[in-house]
Amino acid sequence: MTVIAWDGKTLAVDRMASTENGNIFEVTKLRTLNDGTATVGAGPVCKVLEVQNWIADGCLAEDYPMCGESDGDYSVIHVTHDGVFLYQSQYPMKIESKFFAIGSGESQANGALAMGATAKQACEITFRYQLGCGLGVDTFELGPRPKTVKSKINDIKKKKKKKAKGLVL
């Protein structure tokens, strides 16, 4: 059971997980990737982790993970500088909505977001009304877009031009 919320700026997710026998424990569901993006998922742990690893490795369609006999129902969110993407197969959908929530607490969280709650507040409100969600909230916000090699080279060229303009012969 999970609640994941996006308010256009912040991604938030609860920290509760449970076993098939109903034992409850606290986990970190949010995964920050080396490129400064983040993923989080709802559904069978095996599938969510496999898809998160697949995203971290570059999303090659031919390497799409198969977990067990069936994919099962799952959703993985990937927050990037180019948008927020929903994976329920190897073909992502770009989410255009200003805000959204997924998981077992999505109805409560979407209602809270529609009333102006932040993603974190939406998760916290959901804890009151949805069993299986709770134990705290992890959040993620994108930092500035990392500079590419090309933009770093352009910065160096600009600095050289500034120095050259200041020279007196």
N, C-alpha and C. Protein backbone atom coordinates (compact mmCIF):
# COMPACT_ATOMS: atom_id res chain seq x y z
N MET A 1 0.85 -1.17 0.00
CA MET A 1 0.00 0.00 0.00
C MET A 1 0.89 1.23 0.00
N THR A 2 0.52 2.19 -0.82
CA THR A 2 1.37 3.36 -1.03
C THR A 2 0.52 4.56 -1.40
N VAL A 3 1.01 5.74 -1.06
CA VAL A 3 0.46 6.97 -1.62
C VAL A 3 1.64 7.79 -2.12
N ILE A 4 1.54 8.20 -3.39
CA ILE A 4 2.55 9.03 -4.04
C ILE A 4 1.83 10.27 -4.56
N ALA A 5 2.37 11.45 -4.27
CA ALA A 5 1.73 12.69 -4.71
C ALA A 5 2.75 13.60 -5.37
N TRP A 6 2.30 14.35 -6.38
CA TRP A 6 3.10 15.35 -7.09
C TRP A 6 2.29 16.63 -7.15
N ASP A 7 2.87 17.73 -6.73
CA ASP A 7 2.15 19.01 -6.73
C ASP A 7 2.67 20.00 -7.76
N GLY A 8 3.46 19.53 -8.71
CA GLY A 8 4.05 20.39 -9.72
C GLY A 8 5.46 20.83 -9.38
N LYS A 9 5.86 20.60 -8.13
CA LYS A 9 7.18 20.99 -7.66
C LYS A 9 7.84 19.90 -6.84
N THR A 10 7.04 19.26 -6.00
CA THR A 10 7.55 18.27 -5.05
C THR A 10 6.90 16.92 -5.26
N LEU A 11 7.71 15.87 -5.22
CA LEU A 11 7.24 14.49 -5.23
C LEU A 11 7.28 14.00 -3.79
N ALA A 12 6.20 13.40 -3.32
CA ALA A 12 6.13 12.92 -1.94
C ALA A 12 5.60 11.49 -1.92
N VAL A 13 6.09 10.68 -0.98
CA VAL A 13 5.65 9.29 -0.86
C VAL A 13 5.72 8.87 0.60
N ASP A 14 4.78 8.02 1.00
CA ASP A 14 4.79 7.51 2.37
C ASP A 14 5.91 6.50 2.56
N ARG A 15 6.13 6.08 3.80
CA ARG A 15 7.24 5.19 4.14
C ARG A 15 6.78 3.80 4.62
N MET A 16 5.48 3.51 4.55
CA MET A 16 4.97 2.25 5.08
C MET A 16 5.05 1.12 4.04
N ALA A 17 5.48 -0.04 4.51
CA ALA A 17 5.44 -1.26 3.71
C ALA A 17 4.89 -2.37 4.61
N SER A 18 4.37 -3.41 3.99
CA SER A 18 3.84 -4.52 4.78
C SER A 18 4.11 -5.85 4.08
N THR A 19 4.14 -6.90 4.88
CA THR A 19 4.30 -8.24 4.33
C THR A 19 2.93 -8.82 4.02
N GLU A 20 2.91 -9.96 3.35
CA GLU A 20 1.64 -10.63 3.07
C GLU A 20 0.91 -11.01 4.35
N ASN A 21 1.66 -11.20 5.45
CA ASN A 21 1.07 -11.56 6.73
C ASN A 21 0.59 -10.35 7.52
N GLY A 22 0.79 -9.15 6.98
CA GLY A 22 0.30 -7.96 7.64
C GLY A 22 1.30 -7.27 8.55
N ASN A 23 2.54 -7.76 8.60
CA ASN A 23 3.55 -7.07 9.39
C ASN A 23 3.90 -5.75 8.70
N ILE A 24 3.99 -4.70 9.51
CA ILE A 24 4.25 -3.36 8.98
C ILE A 24 5.65 -2.93 9.36
N PHE A 25 6.35 -2.29 8.40
CA PHE A 25 7.68 -1.77 8.68
C PHE A 25 7.91 -0.52 7.86
N GLU A 26 8.92 0.27 8.27
CA GLU A 26 9.24 1.54 7.61
C GLU A 26 10.35 1.34 6.58
N VAL A 27 10.15 1.90 5.39
CA VAL A 27 11.12 1.77 4.30
C VAL A 27 11.27 3.11 3.58
N THR A 28 12.30 3.22 2.76
CA THR A 28 12.46 4.36 1.86
C THR A 28 12.08 3.90 0.47
N LYS A 29 10.99 4.45 -0.05
CA LYS A 29 10.50 4.08 -1.38
C LYS A 29 11.06 4.98 -2.47
N LEU A 30 11.45 6.18 -2.09
CA LEU A 30 11.94 7.18 -3.02
C LEU A 30 13.40 6.90 -3.34
N ARG A 31 13.73 6.89 -4.63
CA ARG A 31 15.10 6.60 -5.05
C ARG A 31 15.63 7.75 -5.90
N THR A 32 16.71 8.38 -5.44
CA THR A 32 17.35 9.45 -6.20
C THR A 32 18.44 8.82 -7.07
N LEU A 33 18.41 9.17 -8.36
CA LEU A 33 19.36 8.59 -9.31
C LEU A 33 20.58 9.49 -9.47
N ASN A 34 21.64 8.94 -10.05
CA ASN A 34 22.90 9.66 -10.23
C ASN A 34 22.77 10.93 -11.07
N ASP A 35 21.76 10.98 -11.95
CA ASP A 35 21.60 12.16 -12.82
C ASP A 35 20.78 13.26 -12.16
N GLY A 36 20.45 13.11 -10.88
CA GLY A 36 19.70 14.13 -10.16
C GLY A 36 18.20 14.00 -10.29
N THR A 37 17.73 12.94 -10.94
CA THR A 37 16.30 12.69 -11.06
C THR A 37 15.88 11.72 -9.95
N ALA A 38 14.59 11.39 -9.89
CA ALA A 38 14.12 10.47 -8.85
C ALA A 38 13.04 9.56 -9.39
N THR A 39 12.94 8.38 -8.79
CA THR A 39 11.88 7.43 -9.12
C THR A 39 11.22 6.97 -7.83
N VAL A 40 9.97 6.59 -7.96
CA VAL A 40 9.23 5.99 -6.86
C VAL A 40 8.13 5.13 -7.48
N GLY A 41 7.73 4.07 -6.80
CA GLY A 41 6.74 3.20 -7.40
C GLY A 41 5.74 2.65 -6.42
N ALA A 42 4.66 2.14 -6.99
CA ALA A 42 3.61 1.47 -6.23
C ALA A 42 3.32 0.15 -6.93
N GLY A 43 3.13 -0.90 -6.15
CA GLY A 43 2.84 -2.21 -6.72
C GLY A 43 3.78 -3.25 -6.15
N PRO A 44 3.86 -4.42 -6.80
CA PRO A 44 4.74 -5.47 -6.30
C PRO A 44 6.19 -4.99 -6.21
N VAL A 45 6.80 -5.17 -5.06
CA VAL A 45 8.16 -4.68 -4.81
C VAL A 45 9.13 -5.16 -5.89
N CYS A 46 9.06 -6.43 -6.26
CA CYS A 46 9.96 -6.98 -7.27
C CYS A 46 9.89 -6.16 -8.55
N LYS A 47 8.69 -5.90 -9.03
CA LYS A 47 8.52 -5.18 -10.29
C LYS A 47 8.97 -3.73 -10.16
N VAL A 48 8.58 -3.08 -9.08
CA VAL A 48 8.95 -1.67 -8.89
C VAL A 48 10.48 -1.52 -8.87
N LEU A 49 11.17 -2.37 -8.12
CA LEU A 49 12.63 -2.28 -8.04
C LEU A 49 13.28 -2.59 -9.38
N GLU A 50 12.77 -3.58 -10.09
CA GLU A 50 13.31 -3.91 -11.41
C GLU A 50 13.17 -2.74 -12.38
N VAL A 51 12.01 -2.09 -12.37
CA VAL A 51 11.78 -0.97 -13.28
C VAL A 51 12.63 0.23 -12.86
N GLN A 52 12.77 0.48 -11.57
CA GLN A 52 13.64 1.57 -11.11
C GLN A 52 15.09 1.33 -11.57
N ASN A 53 15.56 0.11 -11.46
CA ASN A 53 16.92 -0.22 -11.94
C ASN A 53 17.03 -0.04 -13.45
N TRP A 54 16.00 -0.46 -14.17
CA TRP A 54 15.97 -0.32 -15.62
C TRP A 54 16.04 1.15 -16.03
N ILE A 55 15.29 2.02 -15.33
CA ILE A 55 15.33 3.46 -15.60
C ILE A 55 16.73 3.99 -15.32
N ALA A 56 17.30 3.61 -14.18
CA ALA A 56 18.65 4.07 -13.82
C ALA A 56 19.69 3.65 -14.86
N ASP A 57 19.45 2.52 -15.53
CA ASP A 57 20.40 2.00 -16.52
C ASP A 57 20.15 2.52 -17.94
N GLY A 58 19.17 3.40 -18.13
CA GLY A 58 18.99 4.02 -19.44
C GLY A 58 17.74 3.65 -20.20
N CYS A 59 16.87 2.81 -19.68
CA CYS A 59 15.56 2.52 -20.29
C CYS A 59 15.61 1.89 -21.68
N LEU A 60 16.52 0.98 -21.96
CA LEU A 60 16.55 0.33 -23.26
C LEU A 60 15.38 -0.66 -23.35
N ALA A 61 14.54 -0.49 -24.36
CA ALA A 61 13.33 -1.30 -24.49
C ALA A 61 13.62 -2.79 -24.47
N GLU A 62 14.71 -3.20 -25.13
CA GLU A 62 15.03 -4.64 -25.19
C GLU A 62 15.48 -5.19 -23.83
N ASP A 63 15.84 -4.32 -22.90
CA ASP A 63 16.25 -4.76 -21.56
C ASP A 63 15.15 -4.62 -20.52
N TYR A 64 13.92 -4.34 -20.99
CA TYR A 64 12.81 -4.16 -20.05
C TYR A 64 12.66 -5.39 -19.16
N PRO A 65 12.58 -5.20 -17.84
CA PRO A 65 12.56 -6.34 -16.92
C PRO A 65 11.23 -7.08 -16.89
N MET A 66 11.35 -8.38 -16.80
CA MET A 66 10.18 -9.23 -16.59
C MET A 66 10.36 -9.87 -15.22
N CYS A 67 9.42 -9.67 -14.35
CA CYS A 67 9.52 -10.17 -12.98
C CYS A 67 8.48 -11.27 -12.79
N GLY A 68 8.92 -12.49 -12.67
CA GLY A 68 7.98 -13.59 -12.51
C GLY A 68 7.21 -13.86 -13.79
N GLU A 69 6.08 -14.55 -13.68
CA GLU A 69 5.30 -14.90 -14.86
C GLU A 69 4.51 -13.74 -15.43
N SER A 70 4.16 -12.76 -14.59
CA SER A 70 3.33 -11.64 -15.03
C SER A 70 3.93 -10.33 -14.54
N ASP A 71 3.70 -9.28 -15.31
CA ASP A 71 4.17 -7.97 -14.88
C ASP A 71 3.47 -7.53 -13.61
N GLY A 72 2.22 -7.89 -13.45
CA GLY A 72 1.45 -7.42 -12.31
C GLY A 72 1.12 -5.95 -12.48
N ASP A 73 0.25 -5.44 -11.65
CA ASP A 73 -0.10 -4.03 -11.70
C ASP A 73 0.93 -3.24 -10.93
N TYR A 74 1.53 -2.29 -11.59
CA TYR A 74 2.53 -1.43 -10.94
C TYR A 74 2.51 -0.08 -11.62
N SER A 75 3.02 0.91 -10.93
CA SER A 75 3.23 2.24 -11.49
C SER A 75 4.55 2.75 -10.95
N VAL A 76 5.40 3.25 -11.83
CA VAL A 76 6.66 3.88 -11.42
C VAL A 76 6.66 5.29 -11.98
N ILE A 77 6.94 6.24 -11.12
CA ILE A 77 7.02 7.65 -11.50
C ILE A 77 8.50 8.02 -11.62
N HIS A 78 8.84 8.75 -12.68
CA HIS A 78 10.21 9.24 -12.87
C HIS A 78 10.13 10.75 -13.05
N VAL A 79 10.68 11.50 -12.11
CA VAL A 79 10.70 12.96 -12.17
C VAL A 79 12.02 13.38 -12.79
N THR A 80 11.94 14.08 -13.95
CA THR A 80 13.14 14.50 -14.69
C THR A 80 13.04 15.99 -15.01
N HIS A 81 14.10 16.55 -15.55
CA HIS A 81 14.07 17.94 -15.98
C HIS A 81 13.21 18.13 -17.23
N ASP A 82 12.88 17.05 -17.91
CA ASP A 82 12.05 17.11 -19.11
C ASP A 82 10.59 16.80 -18.83
N GLY A 83 10.25 16.56 -17.57
CA GLY A 83 8.87 16.28 -17.20
C GLY A 83 8.78 15.12 -16.22
N VAL A 84 7.53 14.80 -15.89
CA VAL A 84 7.24 13.68 -14.99
C VAL A 84 6.63 12.57 -15.84
N PHE A 85 7.18 11.37 -15.70
CA PHE A 85 6.76 10.25 -16.54
C PHE A 85 6.22 9.10 -15.70
N LEU A 86 5.15 8.49 -16.20
CA LEU A 86 4.53 7.33 -15.56
C LEU A 86 4.85 6.09 -16.38
N TYR A 87 5.46 5.11 -15.74
CA TYR A 87 5.76 3.83 -16.38
C TYR A 87 4.81 2.77 -15.83
N GLN A 88 4.05 2.16 -16.75
CA GLN A 88 3.27 0.96 -16.43
C GLN A 88 3.60 -0.12 -17.44
N SER A 89 4.57 0.21 -18.30
CA SER A 89 5.18 -0.70 -19.28
C SER A 89 6.49 -0.03 -19.66
N GLN A 90 7.16 -0.55 -20.69
CA GLN A 90 8.42 0.07 -21.10
C GLN A 90 8.21 1.37 -21.86
N TYR A 91 6.97 1.75 -22.09
CA TYR A 91 6.65 2.97 -22.82
C TYR A 91 6.02 3.98 -21.86
N PRO A 92 6.75 5.01 -21.48
CA PRO A 92 6.24 5.95 -20.49
C PRO A 92 5.20 6.91 -21.06
N MET A 93 4.36 7.41 -20.16
CA MET A 93 3.43 8.48 -20.49
C MET A 93 3.90 9.72 -19.75
N LYS A 94 4.00 10.84 -20.46
CA LYS A 94 4.36 12.10 -19.80
C LYS A 94 3.10 12.63 -19.13
N ILE A 95 3.20 12.94 -17.86
CA ILE A 95 2.05 13.45 -17.12
C ILE A 95 2.00 14.96 -17.30
N GLU A 96 0.90 15.44 -17.83
CA GLU A 96 0.72 16.86 -18.10
C GLU A 96 -0.07 17.57 -17.01
N SER A 97 -0.68 16.82 -16.11
CA SER A 97 -1.50 17.40 -15.05
C SER A 97 -0.66 18.25 -14.11
N LYS A 98 -1.27 19.30 -13.58
CA LYS A 98 -0.60 20.20 -12.64
C LYS A 98 -0.23 19.44 -11.37
N PHE A 99 -1.09 18.53 -10.96
CA PHE A 99 -0.83 17.68 -9.79
C PHE A 99 -1.48 16.33 -10.01
N PHE A 100 -1.03 15.32 -9.28
CA PHE A 100 -1.64 14.00 -9.35
C PHE A 100 -1.19 13.16 -8.16
N ALA A 101 -1.91 12.08 -7.93
CA ALA A 101 -1.52 11.11 -6.91
C ALA A 101 -1.82 9.72 -7.44
N ILE A 102 -1.02 8.75 -7.02
CA ILE A 102 -1.26 7.35 -7.37
C ILE A 102 -1.07 6.49 -6.13
N GLY A 103 -1.51 5.25 -6.23
CA GLY A 103 -1.39 4.30 -5.13
C GLY A 103 -2.72 4.09 -4.44
N SER A 104 -2.70 3.32 -3.38
CA SER A 104 -3.95 3.00 -2.69
C SER A 104 -4.59 4.22 -2.05
N GLY A 105 -3.80 5.27 -1.79
CA GLY A 105 -4.35 6.49 -1.19
C GLY A 105 -4.56 7.61 -2.20
N GLU A 106 -4.64 7.27 -3.49
CA GLU A 106 -4.70 8.31 -4.51
C GLU A 106 -5.96 9.18 -4.43
N SER A 107 -7.10 8.61 -4.08
CA SER A 107 -8.33 9.40 -4.02
C SER A 107 -8.23 10.49 -2.96
N GLN A 108 -7.79 10.10 -1.77
CA GLN A 108 -7.66 11.07 -0.68
C GLN A 108 -6.61 12.13 -1.03
N ALA A 109 -5.47 11.71 -1.56
CA ALA A 109 -4.39 12.65 -1.89
C ALA A 109 -4.80 13.60 -3.02
N ASN A 110 -5.48 13.08 -4.04
CA ASN A 110 -5.93 13.96 -5.13
C ASN A 110 -6.93 14.99 -4.62
N GLY A 111 -7.80 14.60 -3.70
CA GLY A 111 -8.74 15.55 -3.11
C GLY A 111 -8.00 16.64 -2.35
N ALA A 112 -7.00 16.25 -1.58
CA ALA A 112 -6.21 17.23 -0.83
C ALA A 112 -5.46 18.17 -1.76
N LEU A 113 -4.85 17.62 -2.83
CA LEU A 113 -4.13 18.44 -3.80
C LEU A 113 -5.08 19.42 -4.50
N ALA A 114 -6.29 18.97 -4.81
CA ALA A 114 -7.27 19.84 -5.47
C ALA A 114 -7.67 21.01 -4.57
N MET A 115 -7.56 20.82 -3.27
CA MET A 115 -7.89 21.88 -2.32
C MET A 115 -6.69 22.75 -1.97
N GLY A 116 -5.55 22.52 -2.63
CA GLY A 116 -4.38 23.38 -2.45
C GLY A 116 -3.30 22.84 -1.54
N ALA A 117 -3.41 21.60 -1.10
CA ALA A 117 -2.37 21.01 -0.25
C ALA A 117 -1.09 20.79 -1.06
N THR A 118 0.05 20.82 -0.39
CA THR A 118 1.30 20.43 -1.03
C THR A 118 1.31 18.91 -1.15
N ALA A 119 2.27 18.38 -1.89
CA ALA A 119 2.37 16.92 -2.03
C ALA A 119 2.59 16.27 -0.66
N LYS A 120 3.45 16.85 0.16
CA LYS A 120 3.70 16.30 1.49
C LYS A 120 2.42 16.34 2.34
N GLN A 121 1.73 17.45 2.33
CA GLN A 121 0.49 17.56 3.10
C GLN A 121 -0.56 16.57 2.60
N ALA A 122 -0.63 16.37 1.28
CA ALA A 122 -1.59 15.42 0.71
C ALA A 122 -1.34 14.01 1.24
N CYS A 123 -0.05 13.62 1.31
CA CYS A 123 0.27 12.31 1.87
C CYS A 123 -0.14 12.23 3.34
N GLU A 124 0.18 13.26 4.10
CA GLU A 124 -0.14 13.26 5.53
C GLU A 124 -1.66 13.21 5.76
N ILE A 125 -2.43 13.90 4.95
CA ILE A 125 -3.89 13.85 5.06
C ILE A 125 -4.39 12.45 4.75
N THR A 126 -3.79 11.82 3.74
CA THR A 126 -4.18 10.46 3.35
C THR A 126 -4.01 9.48 4.50
N PHE A 127 -2.97 9.66 5.33
CA PHE A 127 -2.72 8.74 6.43
C PHE A 127 -3.93 8.62 7.35
N ARG A 128 -4.70 9.68 7.48
CA ARG A 128 -5.87 9.68 8.38
C ARG A 128 -7.01 8.84 7.84
N TYR A 129 -7.07 8.65 6.52
CA TYR A 129 -8.25 8.06 5.90
C TYR A 129 -7.99 6.79 5.10
N GLN A 130 -6.74 6.37 4.98
CA GLN A 130 -6.42 5.19 4.18
C GLN A 130 -5.52 4.24 4.97
N LEU A 131 -6.04 3.06 5.28
CA LEU A 131 -5.20 2.05 5.94
C LEU A 131 -4.08 1.64 5.01
N GLY A 132 -2.93 1.36 5.55
CA GLY A 132 -1.81 0.88 4.74
C GLY A 132 -0.90 1.97 4.22
N CYS A 133 -1.17 3.22 4.58
CA CYS A 133 -0.29 4.33 4.20
C CYS A 133 0.14 5.04 5.48
N GLY A 134 1.40 5.45 5.54
CA GLY A 134 1.82 6.19 6.72
C GLY A 134 3.29 6.03 7.03
N LEU A 135 3.62 6.20 8.31
CA LEU A 135 4.97 6.10 8.87
C LEU A 135 5.92 7.19 8.35
N GLY A 136 5.37 8.32 7.95
CA GLY A 136 6.20 9.43 7.52
C GLY A 136 6.19 9.63 6.02
N VAL A 137 6.83 10.71 5.59
CA VAL A 137 6.84 11.09 4.17
C VAL A 137 8.27 11.43 3.75
N ASP A 138 8.67 10.94 2.59
CA ASP A 138 9.92 11.36 1.95
C ASP A 138 9.54 12.26 0.79
N THR A 139 10.35 13.30 0.55
CA THR A 139 10.07 14.23 -0.54
C THR A 139 11.29 14.42 -1.43
N PHE A 140 11.03 14.88 -2.65
CA PHE A 140 12.08 15.15 -3.63
C PHE A 140 11.69 16.37 -4.45
N GLU A 141 12.64 17.28 -4.65
CA GLU A 141 12.48 18.39 -5.58
C GLU A 141 13.68 18.41 -6.51
N LEU A 142 13.43 18.64 -7.79
CA LEU A 142 14.52 18.72 -8.77
C LEU A 142 15.40 19.92 -8.48
N GLY A 143 16.68 19.73 -8.59
CA GLY A 143 17.62 20.84 -8.53
C GLY A 143 17.76 21.43 -9.91
N PRO A 144 18.69 22.36 -10.08
CA PRO A 144 18.92 22.91 -11.42
C PRO A 144 19.38 21.82 -12.38
N ARG A 145 19.05 22.02 -13.64
CA ARG A 145 19.46 21.05 -14.67
C ARG A 145 20.98 20.97 -14.69
N PRO A 146 21.52 19.74 -14.63
CA PRO A 146 22.98 19.61 -14.69
C PRO A 146 23.52 20.14 -16.01
N LYS A 147 24.68 20.76 -15.96
CA LYS A 147 25.29 21.29 -17.18
C LYS A 147 25.83 20.14 -18.02
N THR A 148 25.65 20.26 -19.32
CA THR A 148 26.21 19.28 -20.23
C THR A 148 27.63 19.68 -20.56
N VAL A 149 28.37 18.80 -21.18
CA VAL A 149 29.74 19.11 -21.59
C VAL A 149 29.72 20.30 -22.54
N LYS A 150 28.76 20.35 -23.46
CA LYS A 150 28.67 21.44 -24.43
C LYS A 150 28.45 22.77 -23.71
N SER A 151 27.55 22.82 -22.72
CA SER A 151 27.31 24.09 -22.03
C SER A 151 28.51 24.50 -21.19
N LYS A 152 29.27 23.55 -20.66
CA LYS A 152 30.49 23.89 -19.92
C LYS A 152 31.54 24.49 -20.85
N ILE A 153 31.65 23.95 -22.05
CA ILE A 153 32.58 24.49 -23.05
C ILE A 153 32.17 25.91 -23.43
N ASN A 154 30.87 26.15 -23.62
CA ASN A 154 30.38 27.49 -23.94
C ASN A 154 30.70 28.48 -22.82
N ASP A 155 30.57 28.05 -21.55
CA ASP A 155 30.91 28.91 -20.41
C ASP A 155 32.38 29.30 -20.45
N ILE A 156 33.25 28.36 -20.77
CA ILE A 156 34.69 28.64 -20.85
C ILE A 156 34.96 29.64 -21.96
N LYS A 157 34.31 29.47 -23.13
CA LYS A 157 34.50 30.39 -24.25
C LYS A 157 34.06 31.80 -23.86
N LYS A 158 32.92 31.93 -23.15
CA LYS A 158 32.43 33.23 -22.73
C LYS A 158 33.43 33.91 -21.79
N LYS A 159 34.00 33.15 -20.86
CA LYS A 159 34.99 33.71 -19.93
C LYS A 159 36.22 34.20 -20.68
N LYS A 160 36.66 33.45 -21.69
CA LYS A 160 37.84 33.84 -22.48
C LYS A 160 37.54 35.13 -23.24
N LYS A 161 36.32 35.26 -23.79
CA LYS A 161 35.94 36.47 -24.53
C LYS A 161 35.94 37.68 -23.60
N LYS A 162 35.42 37.51 -22.36
CA LYS A 162 35.40 38.61 -21.40
C LYS A 162 36.81 39.06 -21.08
N LYS A 163 37.71 38.13 -20.86
CA LYS A 163 39.11 38.47 -20.56
C LYS A 163 39.75 39.19 -21.75
N ALA A 164 39.46 38.72 -22.95
CA ALA A 164 40.04 39.32 -24.15
C ALA A 164 39.55 40.76 -24.35
N LYS A 165 38.29 41.04 -24.00
CA LYS A 165 37.75 42.40 -24.14
C LYS A 165 38.45 43.37 -23.20
N GLY A 166 38.92 42.92 -22.07
CA GLY A 166 39.56 43.78 -21.08
C GLY A 166 41.01 44.07 -21.35
N LEU A 167 41.60 43.43 -22.36
CA LEU A 167 43.01 43.63 -22.66
C LEU A 167 43.25 44.96 -23.36
N VAL A 168 44.32 45.63 -22.98
CA VAL A 168 44.72 46.88 -23.64
C VAL A 168 46.07 46.65 -24.29
N LEU A 169 46.17 46.96 -25.57
CA LEU A 169 47.44 46.77 -26.28
C LEU A 169 48.16 48.06 -26.52
